[in-house]
């Protein structure tokens, strides 16, 4: 009985090693599964700092219980500086914008051709900057900056949710 178990184990190991050597994937029912994680962008992986300008915006509000959106070109562009970007450690520092606490570390995540910067403020607000591995012009990279916060009352509280999404681009330093 032990010999049969040993033979089955050896055949199983031969099968696994054979699949690995040939580069075949293990899927259900003999089907190969496609890798769902996109390939990491070399363009974004090498970025060490970004200087961003956002010139168009959309904001949301609620009036009498109904949601509304307002589109506008920014009279004064929103500017952000993102420094000390380390995609391997997942850290960076952001200065500027209305929801980022200057100098604080933010969470950085590079997934495929998207470089995300996430900040959760002490008041519960959320700021997210996403930079895409796609140029606008002169080597600048397309980007979007989103923010959402709600402080009922007290210091810094308007009693209304604050939302916005800004569209622009960033100059990258490698």
Protein backbone atom coordinates (compact mmCIF):
# COMPACT_ATOMS: atom_id res chain seq x y z
CA UNK A 1 0.00 0.00 0.00
CA UNK A 2 2.87 2.33 0.83
CA UNK A 3 4.41 1.60 -2.57
CA UNK A 4 1.20 2.62 -4.37
CA UNK A 5 1.03 5.88 -2.39
CA UNK A 6 4.69 6.58 -3.18
CA UNK A 7 4.13 5.95 -6.92
CA UNK A 8 1.08 8.27 -6.94
CA UNK A 9 3.10 10.95 -5.13
CA UNK A 10 6.00 10.65 -7.60
CA UNK A 11 3.66 10.79 -10.62
CA UNK A 12 1.98 13.87 -9.13
CA UNK A 13 5.33 15.60 -8.63
CA UNK A 14 6.40 14.72 -12.19
CA UNK A 15 3.14 16.23 -13.48
CA UNK A 16 3.60 19.45 -11.48
CA UNK A 17 7.26 19.87 -12.45
CA UNK A 18 6.41 19.17 -16.11
CA UNK A 19 3.69 21.87 -16.08
CA UNK A 20 6.02 24.37 -14.40
CA UNK A 21 8.92 23.69 -16.77
CA UNK A 22 6.67 24.07 -19.81
CA UNK A 23 5.17 27.25 -18.36
CA UNK A 24 1.63 25.90 -18.38
CA UNK A 25 -0.90 27.28 -15.92
CA UNK A 26 -3.11 25.24 -13.66
CA UNK A 27 -6.77 25.89 -14.32
CA UNK A 28 -10.06 24.23 -13.61
CA UNK A 29 -11.13 21.56 -16.06
CA UNK A 30 -7.81 21.67 -17.90
CA UNK A 31 -8.44 25.22 -19.14
CA UNK A 32 -5.69 27.77 -18.95
CA UNK A 33 -6.57 30.84 -16.91
CA UNK A 34 -5.69 34.29 -18.08
CA UNK A 35 -3.68 36.43 -15.67
CA UNK A 36 -6.06 39.14 -14.48
CA UNK A 37 -3.35 41.34 -12.99
CA UNK A 38 -2.09 43.77 -15.65
CA UNK A 39 1.60 44.18 -16.32
CA UNK A 40 3.20 46.94 -14.25
CA UNK A 41 3.99 50.14 -16.16
CA UNK A 42 7.74 50.83 -16.33
CA UNK A 43 6.89 54.49 -16.99
CA UNK A 44 5.10 54.82 -13.65
CA UNK A 45 7.39 52.50 -11.71
CA UNK A 46 10.34 54.88 -12.15
CA UNK A 47 8.50 58.08 -11.05
CA UNK A 48 10.05 59.77 -7.99
CA UNK A 49 8.03 63.03 -7.93
CA UNK A 50 5.09 64.65 -9.71
CA UNK A 51 3.97 68.24 -10.18
CA UNK A 52 0.29 68.20 -11.13
CA UNK A 53 -2.19 70.79 -12.46
CA UNK A 54 -5.91 70.16 -12.71
CA UNK A 55 -7.79 72.58 -14.96
CA UNK A 56 -11.28 71.06 -15.27
CA UNK A 57 -13.57 69.94 -12.46
CA UNK A 58 -16.89 68.38 -11.51
CA UNK A 59 -18.54 68.76 -8.11
CA UNK A 60 -21.59 67.17 -6.58
CA UNK A 61 -24.23 68.50 -4.22
CA UNK A 62 -27.68 67.64 -2.91
CA UNK A 63 -30.59 70.07 -3.02
CA UNK A 64 -33.92 69.08 -1.49
CA UNK A 65 -32.74 65.48 -1.41
CA UNK A 66 -31.83 65.37 -5.13
CA UNK A 67 -28.24 64.95 -6.30
CA UNK A 68 -26.76 67.39 -8.80
CA UNK A 69 -23.42 67.67 -10.59
CA UNK A 70 -21.77 70.85 -11.81
CA UNK A 71 -19.03 70.86 -14.45
CA UNK A 72 -16.60 73.73 -14.74
CA UNK A 73 -13.20 74.80 -15.95
CA UNK A 74 -11.12 75.72 -12.95
CA UNK A 75 -10.69 79.50 -12.78
CA UNK A 76 -7.60 78.84 -10.72
CA UNK A 77 -6.10 75.43 -11.46
CA UNK A 78 -5.69 73.09 -8.50
CA UNK A 79 -2.00 72.24 -8.03
CA UNK A 80 -0.45 69.31 -6.18
CA UNK A 81 3.15 68.32 -5.59
CA UNK A 82 3.83 64.66 -4.87
CA UNK A 83 7.33 63.98 -3.59
CA UNK A 84 9.42 61.10 -2.27
CA UNK A 85 7.39 58.53 -4.22
CA UNK A 86 8.40 54.97 -3.41
CA UNK A 87 6.19 52.50 -5.26
CA UNK A 88 7.92 49.52 -3.61
CA UNK A 89 7.30 50.71 -0.04
CA UNK A 90 3.96 52.28 -1.01
CA UNK A 91 4.68 55.76 0.36
CA UNK A 92 4.82 59.39 -0.79
CA UNK A 93 4.20 62.91 0.49
CA UNK A 94 1.60 65.25 -1.03
CA UNK A 95 1.36 69.02 -0.68
CA UNK A 96 -1.52 71.14 -2.00
CA UNK A 97 -5.15 70.47 -2.77
CA UNK A 98 -7.92 71.06 -0.29
CA UNK A 99 -8.10 67.62 1.30
CA UNK A 100 -4.43 66.68 1.69
CA UNK A 101 -2.55 67.36 4.89
CA UNK A 102 0.77 68.69 3.62
CA UNK A 103 3.81 66.62 4.48
CA UNK A 104 1.89 63.56 5.64
CA UNK A 105 2.58 60.19 4.12
CA UNK A 106 -0.04 58.75 1.83
CA UNK A 107 -0.59 55.21 0.59
CA UNK A 108 0.81 54.52 -2.88
CA UNK A 109 -0.28 51.61 -5.08
CA UNK A 110 0.92 50.90 -8.62
CA UNK A 111 -1.42 48.56 -10.48
CA UNK A 112 -0.83 48.09 -14.19
CA UNK A 113 -0.84 51.51 -15.87
CA UNK A 114 -2.43 53.28 -12.85
CA UNK A 115 -0.46 54.91 -10.03
CA UNK A 116 -2.77 55.66 -7.07
CA UNK A 117 -2.15 57.95 -4.09
CA UNK A 118 -4.63 57.58 -1.23
CA UNK A 119 -5.04 59.84 1.80
CA UNK A 120 -7.60 59.39 4.56
CA UNK A 121 -7.78 62.62 6.56
CA UNK A 122 -8.29 62.83 10.31
CA UNK A 123 -11.82 64.21 9.74
CA UNK A 124 -12.76 61.16 7.63
CA UNK A 125 -12.24 62.84 4.27
CA UNK A 126 -10.75 60.89 1.40
CA UNK A 127 -8.40 62.20 -1.27
CA UNK A 128 -7.25 60.09 -4.21
CA UNK A 129 -4.91 61.03 -7.04
CA UNK A 130 -4.58 58.60 -9.94
CA UNK A 131 -1.87 59.13 -12.56
CA UNK A 132 -2.15 57.18 -15.80
CA UNK A 133 0.72 55.93 -17.99
CA UNK A 134 -0.72 57.99 -20.86
CA UNK A 135 0.70 61.30 -22.03
CA UNK A 136 -1.27 64.49 -22.63
CA UNK A 137 1.53 66.56 -24.20
CA UNK A 138 5.21 67.32 -23.66
CA UNK A 139 5.68 64.10 -21.67
CA UNK A 140 3.07 65.07 -19.06
CA UNK A 141 0.90 62.21 -17.75
CA UNK A 142 -2.90 62.25 -17.55
CA UNK A 143 -4.25 62.41 -14.00
CA UNK A 144 -7.44 62.74 -11.96
CA UNK A 145 -7.82 63.99 -8.37
CA UNK A 146 -10.94 63.01 -6.41
CA UNK A 147 -11.98 64.13 -2.95
CA UNK A 148 -14.92 63.50 -0.66
CA UNK A 149 -15.53 64.63 2.92
CA UNK A 150 -18.38 65.21 5.32
CA UNK A 151 -18.05 67.00 8.63
CA UNK A 152 -21.45 67.64 10.23
CA UNK A 153 -20.58 70.70 12.28
CA UNK A 154 -17.87 72.37 14.31
CA UNK A 155 -14.44 73.57 13.13
CA UNK A 156 -14.01 72.92 9.43
CA UNK A 157 -17.53 71.54 9.11
CA UNK A 158 -19.95 72.99 6.58
CA UNK A 159 -22.78 70.60 7.38
CA UNK A 160 -22.78 69.51 3.72
CA UNK A 161 -20.79 66.76 2.00
CA UNK A 162 -17.90 68.15 -0.02
CA UNK A 163 -17.11 66.31 -3.24
CA UNK A 164 -15.05 67.03 -6.29
CA UNK A 165 -13.18 65.48 -9.14
CA UNK A 166 -10.48 67.35 -11.01
CA UNK A 167 -8.93 66.50 -14.38
CA UNK A 168 -5.47 67.45 -15.60
CA UNK A 169 -1.94 66.18 -15.93
CA UNK A 170 1.37 65.82 -14.09
CA UNK A 171 5.00 66.43 -14.93
CA UNK A 172 7.04 63.45 -13.78
CA UNK A 173 10.60 63.39 -12.48
CA UNK A 174 12.41 60.08 -12.51
